[in-house]
Amino acid sequence: MVLLIAIAMSGYGAVNLNNSLAARAEAVDARAAGEGGLYGDVLVGRDSTIIKPISIPNAPLPNRRAIRYTVKVGDTLDSVAGAFGITFRQITWSNPGLRLPLKAGQTLRLAPVPGVVVVVKNGDSPASLAAAYGVDEATVLGFNDIHAPELTPGLMIVIPVDPQTGPNLSTGEPADPIKPGELLCPIQGAKIIQKFGATSFALEPAYGGYLHFHSGVDVLAEYGTPIVAAAGGKVTATGYADYFGLRVAITDSYGLVEIYAHMSDVAVKVGDSIQQGQKIGLVGSTGLSVGSHLHLQLEVGGMPTDPAPLVGC
């Protein structure tokens, strides 16, 4: 009997002792949380407010200065773009007025991150540059480590632009809201019936040492089919022009010129800001044309280049 009572008392004491220790441990934890501290990956303040841990980069930050590249013999836009892991459109964007072919010794401005190199002009401000390139003022100033008064004419800065968003039009609207950084097929679902390059088609003029050369791509479509802009920009020409017939020329936000030829009607005028996918006219067969179709020509620095691939053709 005495033995049973002793065992019961011993078990009762053990249970109480464990509960007491647990309660004390909780009290200690509560006091520690009140004083703040690091608990695993969570930093707790003195008032028990959870403070988000600061992420410390473990890789070197990118150089934020514009790259000045000196063209070498044999360089092309594509080879320079490939060497720096960028697109040729980013090169033309940072070098307005660039003419081709590239000449050995000339200097190209290249952005060290996705974006554009800009030389500040009279009248530019953090607000105007931010609106033009679709970023905020803090990005314009902070990325270049300058204050607003230091944004003076002639200063070369880099404006990082998210490639998933792309540049803005002068209106502040995104230039390419459908496929940023890519060219949209001006007639969705249509078939390309003649590609860019040398051809045996006798009606094509000579170019680049070839007897006959097709300077764009031909997209098959019925007469009167709507044509939309492959990329956003500003309308720089409309009307009749040689073998193009009735055409629209758009200088896109990267500085490339898109020419839409053989049209039957034009729906825009010179100076209009056009977004990617916006209607610019109708398919026709004007100029040097055999049957209704659209001739799309892309010019870089005054020279035709292959506009392919076109998203949706």
Protein backbone atom coordinates (compact mmCIF):
# COMPACT_ATOMS: atom_id res chain seq x y z
CA MET A 1 0.00 0.00 0.00
CA VAL A 2 2.80 2.39 0.94
CA LEU A 3 4.60 1.39 -2.27
CA LEU A 4 1.58 2.23 -4.44
CA ILE A 5 1.19 5.64 -2.79
CA ALA A 6 4.88 6.38 -3.38
CA ILE A 7 4.62 5.46 -7.04
CA ALA A 8 1.53 7.65 -7.48
CA MET A 9 3.17 10.59 -5.76
CA SER A 10 6.31 10.12 -7.85
CA GLY A 11 4.31 10.14 -11.14
CA TYR A 12 2.29 13.16 -10.05
CA GLY A 13 5.46 15.04 -9.21
CA ALA A 14 7.05 14.15 -12.55
CA VAL A 15 4.05 15.38 -14.47
CA ASN A 16 3.93 18.66 -12.59
CA LEU A 17 7.65 19.14 -12.99
CA ASN A 18 7.49 18.73 -16.78
CA ASN A 19 4.54 21.09 -17.08
CA SER A 20 6.36 23.61 -14.94
CA LEU A 21 9.47 23.43 -17.10
CA ALA A 22 7.43 23.84 -20.29
CA ALA A 23 5.65 26.85 -18.86
CA ARG A 24 8.96 28.38 -17.83
CA ALA A 25 10.42 27.75 -21.28
CA GLU A 26 7.47 29.49 -22.90
CA ALA A 27 7.89 32.40 -20.53
CA VAL A 28 11.57 32.64 -21.41
CA ASP A 29 10.75 32.56 -25.17
CA ALA A 30 8.10 35.25 -24.72
CA ARG A 31 10.55 37.52 -22.89
CA ALA A 32 13.21 36.90 -25.56
CA ALA A 33 10.73 37.77 -28.35
CA GLY A 34 9.83 40.95 -26.51
CA GLU A 35 13.50 41.95 -26.51
CA GLY A 36 13.91 41.13 -30.22
CA GLY A 37 16.33 38.80 -31.92
CA LEU A 38 16.94 36.45 -34.85
CA TYR A 39 14.83 33.28 -34.91
CA GLY A 40 15.86 31.10 -37.81
CA ASP A 41 15.47 33.28 -40.92
CA VAL A 42 13.11 35.72 -39.22
CA LEU A 43 14.26 38.88 -37.44
CA VAL A 44 11.91 39.98 -34.63
CA GLY A 45 11.93 43.53 -33.27
CA ARG A 46 11.64 44.58 -29.60
CA ASP A 47 7.88 44.97 -30.00
CA SER A 48 7.62 41.46 -31.52
CA THR A 49 7.23 42.95 -35.02
CA ILE A 50 8.55 40.61 -37.69
CA ILE A 51 11.22 42.35 -39.73
CA LYS A 52 11.88 41.02 -43.23
CA PRO A 53 15.47 39.74 -43.56
CA ILE A 54 17.73 41.77 -45.85
CA SER A 55 18.87 39.91 -48.95
CA ILE A 56 22.63 40.23 -49.37
CA PRO A 57 23.79 39.73 -52.99
CA ASN A 58 26.36 36.99 -53.46
CA ALA A 59 27.31 38.04 -57.01
CA PRO A 60 28.98 41.24 -58.23
CA LEU A 61 26.60 44.05 -59.20
CA PRO A 62 26.54 44.95 -62.93
CA ASN A 63 28.66 47.82 -64.17
CA ARG A 64 26.24 50.69 -64.71
CA ARG A 65 28.32 52.75 -67.13
CA ALA A 66 27.66 52.74 -70.87
CA ILE A 67 29.99 50.51 -72.86
CA ARG A 68 31.96 52.15 -75.68
CA TYR A 69 32.76 49.54 -78.28
CA THR A 70 35.15 50.23 -81.16
CA VAL A 71 34.08 48.45 -84.34
CA LYS A 72 36.61 46.03 -85.83
CA VAL A 73 37.00 44.87 -89.42
CA GLY A 74 34.29 42.34 -90.25
CA ASP A 75 31.95 43.38 -87.43
CA THR A 76 28.23 43.38 -88.13
CA LEU A 77 25.28 44.32 -85.96
CA ASP A 78 24.55 40.64 -85.44
CA SER A 79 28.12 39.74 -84.47
CA VAL A 80 28.39 42.64 -82.00
CA ALA A 81 24.99 41.82 -80.55
CA GLY A 82 25.99 38.17 -80.13
CA ALA A 83 29.28 39.08 -78.45
CA PHE A 84 27.50 41.17 -75.81
CA GLY A 85 24.42 38.99 -75.44
CA ILE A 86 21.98 41.64 -76.63
CA THR A 87 19.73 42.14 -79.66
CA PHE A 88 20.69 44.29 -82.64
CA ARG A 89 17.59 46.39 -81.91
CA GLN A 90 19.17 47.40 -78.58
CA ILE A 91 22.23 48.57 -80.50
CA THR A 92 20.23 50.74 -82.90
CA TRP A 93 18.20 52.07 -79.94
CA SER A 94 21.35 53.34 -78.21
CA ASN A 95 22.85 54.69 -81.44
CA PRO A 96 20.20 56.81 -83.20
CA GLY A 97 21.07 57.67 -86.78
CA LEU A 98 23.34 54.64 -87.12
CA ARG A 99 24.15 53.83 -90.74
CA LEU A 100 25.24 50.51 -92.19
CA PRO A 101 27.52 48.85 -92.98
CA LEU A 102 29.54 49.34 -89.80
CA LYS A 103 32.97 50.86 -90.36
CA ALA A 104 36.13 49.82 -88.54
CA GLY A 105 37.09 52.42 -85.96
CA GLN A 106 33.62 53.83 -85.31
CA THR A 107 32.32 53.76 -81.76
CA LEU A 108 29.08 52.13 -80.66
CA ARG A 109 27.32 52.89 -77.39
CA LEU A 110 26.01 49.76 -75.65
CA ALA A 111 23.95 49.42 -72.48
CA PRO A 112 25.47 47.07 -69.84
CA VAL A 113 21.99 45.84 -68.90
CA PRO A 114 18.75 45.51 -70.91
CA GLY A 115 17.94 49.10 -71.74
CA VAL A 116 19.24 52.09 -73.66
CA VAL A 117 22.12 54.56 -73.62
CA VAL A 118 20.87 58.14 -73.73
CA VAL A 119 22.75 61.40 -74.23
CA VAL A 120 20.87 64.09 -72.32
CA LYS A 121 19.55 66.93 -74.50
CA ASN A 122 18.35 70.45 -73.74
CA GLY A 123 14.94 70.27 -72.13
CA ASP A 124 15.36 66.72 -70.80
CA SER A 125 14.37 66.17 -67.19
CA PRO A 126 14.05 63.12 -64.92
CA ALA A 127 10.29 63.25 -65.48
CA SER A 128 10.46 63.51 -69.29
CA LEU A 129 13.04 60.73 -69.61
CA ALA A 130 11.09 58.51 -67.22
CA ALA A 131 7.92 59.00 -69.28
CA ALA A 132 9.72 58.44 -72.58
CA TYR A 133 11.26 55.14 -71.53
CA GLY A 134 8.51 53.78 -69.29
CA VAL A 135 10.39 53.89 -65.98
CA ASP A 136 10.17 56.08 -62.88
CA GLU A 137 12.34 59.09 -62.06
CA ALA A 138 14.08 57.24 -59.24
CA THR A 139 15.35 54.67 -61.77
CA VAL A 140 16.73 57.34 -64.11
CA LEU A 141 18.62 59.07 -61.29
CA GLY A 142 19.39 56.15 -58.99
CA PHE A 143 20.78 53.78 -61.61
CA ASN A 144 23.22 56.49 -62.72
CA ASP A 145 23.98 57.63 -59.16
CA ILE A 146 23.14 61.28 -59.89
CA HIS A 147 20.86 63.99 -58.53
CA ALA A 148 18.39 65.94 -60.69
CA PRO A 149 20.65 69.06 -61.01
CA GLU A 150 23.39 66.85 -62.45
CA LEU A 151 21.20 65.80 -65.39
CA THR A 152 22.77 68.27 -67.81
CA PRO A 153 22.96 68.34 -71.64
CA GLY A 154 25.70 66.09 -73.01
CA LEU A 155 25.68 63.70 -70.05
CA MET A 156 25.60 60.05 -71.13
CA ILE A 157 23.39 57.86 -68.96
CA VAL A 158 21.98 54.35 -69.03
CA ILE A 159 18.26 53.77 -68.58
CA PRO A 160 17.41 50.16 -67.72
CA VAL A 161 14.20 48.98 -69.36
CA ASP A 162 12.43 45.73 -68.58
CA PRO A 163 12.58 43.65 -71.79
CA GLN A 164 9.19 42.20 -70.88
CA THR A 165 7.73 45.71 -71.14
CA GLY A 166 9.87 47.44 -73.76
CA PRO A 167 10.03 51.15 -74.59
CA ASN A 168 7.24 53.69 -74.57
CA LEU A 169 5.90 55.91 -77.34
CA SER A 170 6.12 59.69 -76.95
CA THR A 171 2.52 59.50 -75.72
CA GLY A 172 3.65 57.47 -72.70
CA GLU A 173 1.88 54.34 -73.94
CA PRO A 174 3.86 51.11 -74.39
CA ALA A 175 5.10 50.82 -77.97
CA ASP A 176 4.80 47.05 -78.14
CA PRO A 177 2.02 45.90 -75.80
CA ILE A 178 1.50 42.54 -77.53
CA LYS A 179 5.00 41.13 -78.08
CA PRO A 180 7.66 43.47 -76.60
CA GLY A 181 10.97 43.29 -78.44
CA GLU A 182 9.51 41.21 -81.28
CA LEU A 183 7.89 41.88 -84.64
CA LEU A 184 4.24 40.96 -85.00
CA CYS A 185 2.93 39.52 -88.26
CA PRO A 186 1.00 42.43 -89.83
CA ILE A 187 -1.70 39.97 -90.95
CA GLN A 188 -2.18 37.34 -88.28
CA GLY A 189 -2.31 33.78 -89.61
CA ALA A 190 -1.27 34.79 -93.12
CA LYS A 191 1.33 32.88 -95.15
CA ILE A 192 4.71 34.26 -96.21
CA ILE A 193 4.97 33.56 -99.93
CA GLN A 194 8.37 35.12 -100.62
CA LYS A 195 11.21 35.46 -98.14
CA PHE A 196 14.03 37.97 -97.83
CA GLY A 197 17.13 37.43 -99.96
CA ALA A 198 18.45 36.62 -103.42
CA THR A 199 15.83 35.36 -105.85
CA SER A 200 15.41 34.26 -109.45
CA PHE A 201 12.24 36.33 -109.80
CA ALA A 202 13.07 38.64 -112.72
CA LEU A 203 10.93 41.57 -111.50
CA GLU A 204 13.08 42.05 -108.40
CA PRO A 205 15.81 44.73 -108.73
CA ALA A 206 19.53 44.11 -108.27
CA TYR A 207 21.00 44.62 -104.79
CA GLY A 208 24.10 43.70 -102.81
CA GLY A 209 25.85 42.14 -105.78
CA TYR A 210 22.85 39.97 -106.70
CA LEU A 211 21.08 40.30 -110.02
CA HIS A 212 17.68 39.96 -108.33
CA PHE A 213 17.13 40.47 -104.62
CA HIS A 214 13.93 40.55 -102.56
CA SER A 215 14.39 43.25 -99.92
CA GLY A 216 11.58 42.17 -97.58
CA VAL A 217 8.97 39.47 -97.11
CA ASP A 218 5.68 39.09 -98.99
CA VAL A 219 2.60 38.13 -96.99
CA LEU A 220 -0.35 36.69 -98.91
CA ALA A 221 -3.78 38.19 -98.20
CA GLU A 222 -6.94 39.17 -100.02
CA TYR A 223 -7.52 42.68 -101.31
CA GLY A 224 -8.78 44.95 -98.52
CA THR A 225 -7.49 42.82 -95.61
CA PRO A 226 -6.53 45.02 -92.61
CA ILE A 227 -2.82 45.51 -91.94
CA VAL A 228 -1.52 46.16 -88.41
CA ALA A 229 1.82 47.54 -87.22
CA ALA A 230 4.49 44.92 -86.57
CA ALA A 231 6.05 47.18 -83.92
CA GLY A 232 5.11 50.51 -82.39
CA GLY A 233 6.65 53.82 -83.38
CA LYS A 234 6.00 57.02 -85.32
CA VAL A 235 4.68 57.27 -88.89
CA THR A 236 7.43 58.94 -90.93
CA ALA A 237 6.05 58.57 -94.48
CA THR A 238 2.87 57.75 -96.39
CA GLY A 239 1.82 57.90 -100.06
CA TYR A 240 3.16 56.50 -103.32
CA ALA A 241 6.84 55.63 -103.72
CA ASP A 242 8.36 53.91 -106.74
CA TYR A 243 7.77 50.17 -106.90
CA PHE A 244 6.35 50.18 -103.35
CA GLY A 245 3.17 51.76 -104.65
CA LEU A 246 1.01 53.10 -101.81
CA ARG A 247 3.03 52.61 -98.65
CA VAL A 248 3.37 53.51 -94.96
CA ALA A 249 6.75 53.87 -93.25
CA ILE A 250 7.02 53.66 -89.46
CA THR A 251 10.22 54.37 -87.54
CA ASP A 252 9.85 52.10 -84.56
CA SER A 253 10.89 52.81 -80.97
CA TYR A 254 14.27 51.11 -81.54
CA GLY A 255 15.08 53.24 -84.59
CA LEU A 256 14.30 50.65 -87.26
CA VAL A 257 12.16 51.59 -90.26
CA GLU A 258 9.21 49.35 -91.20
CA ILE A 259 7.82 49.81 -94.74
CA TYR A 260 4.39 48.42 -95.62
CA ALA A 261 3.98 48.41 -99.41
CA HIS A 262 1.44 47.74 -102.20
CA MET A 263 -1.44 48.97 -99.98
CA SER A 264 -4.88 49.91 -101.28
CA ASP A 265 -5.66 52.38 -98.48
CA VAL A 266 -3.83 54.12 -95.65
CA ALA A 267 -5.39 54.67 -92.22
CA VAL A 268 -2.64 56.81 -90.61
CA LYS A 269 -0.78 60.06 -91.31
CA VAL A 270 2.77 61.31 -90.86
CA GLY A 271 3.52 62.11 -87.22
CA ASP A 272 1.04 59.64 -85.73
CA SER A 273 2.23 57.53 -82.81
CA ILE A 274 1.31 53.91 -83.54
CA GLN A 275 1.19 50.98 -81.14
CA GLN A 276 2.08 47.44 -82.13
CA GLY A 277 -1.07 45.75 -83.47
CA GLN A 278 -2.79 49.01 -84.47
CA LYS A 279 -4.43 49.12 -87.90
CA ILE A 280 -2.48 51.19 -90.43
CA GLY A 281 -4.20 50.39 -93.74
CA LEU A 282 -5.49 47.75 -96.15
CA VAL A 283 -3.88 45.19 -98.46
CA GLY A 284 -3.74 46.10 -102.14
CA SER A 285 -1.67 45.55 -105.27
CA THR A 286 -0.25 48.99 -106.08
CA GLY A 287 3.24 49.63 -107.44
CA LEU A 288 5.38 46.77 -108.74
CA SER A 289 3.03 44.01 -107.66
CA VAL A 290 1.53 40.81 -109.06
CA GLY A 291 -1.71 40.12 -107.20
CA SER A 292 -2.84 41.41 -103.83
CA HIS A 293 -0.34 40.96 -100.98
CA LEU A 294 1.66 42.91 -98.42
CA HIS A 295 5.35 43.60 -98.88
CA LEU A 296 6.97 44.24 -95.47
CA GLN A 297 10.47 45.69 -95.54
CA LEU A 298 12.63 46.36 -92.48
CA GLU A 299 15.51 48.82 -92.77
CA VAL A 300 18.36 49.18 -90.31
CA GLY A 301 20.60 52.17 -90.84
CA GLY A 302 19.20 52.67 -94.33
CA MET A 303 19.78 49.08 -95.43
CA PRO A 304 17.16 46.33 -95.77
CA THR A 305 17.41 43.43 -93.36
CA ASP A 306 15.39 40.27 -92.84
CA PRO A 307 12.34 41.07 -90.69
CA ALA A 308 11.77 37.40 -89.86
CA PRO A 309 10.73 35.85 -87.59
CA LEU A 310 7.28 37.45 -87.50
CA VAL A 311 5.07 36.36 -84.62
CA GLY A 312 1.84 34.97 -86.05
CA CYS A 313 2.82 34.34 -89.67
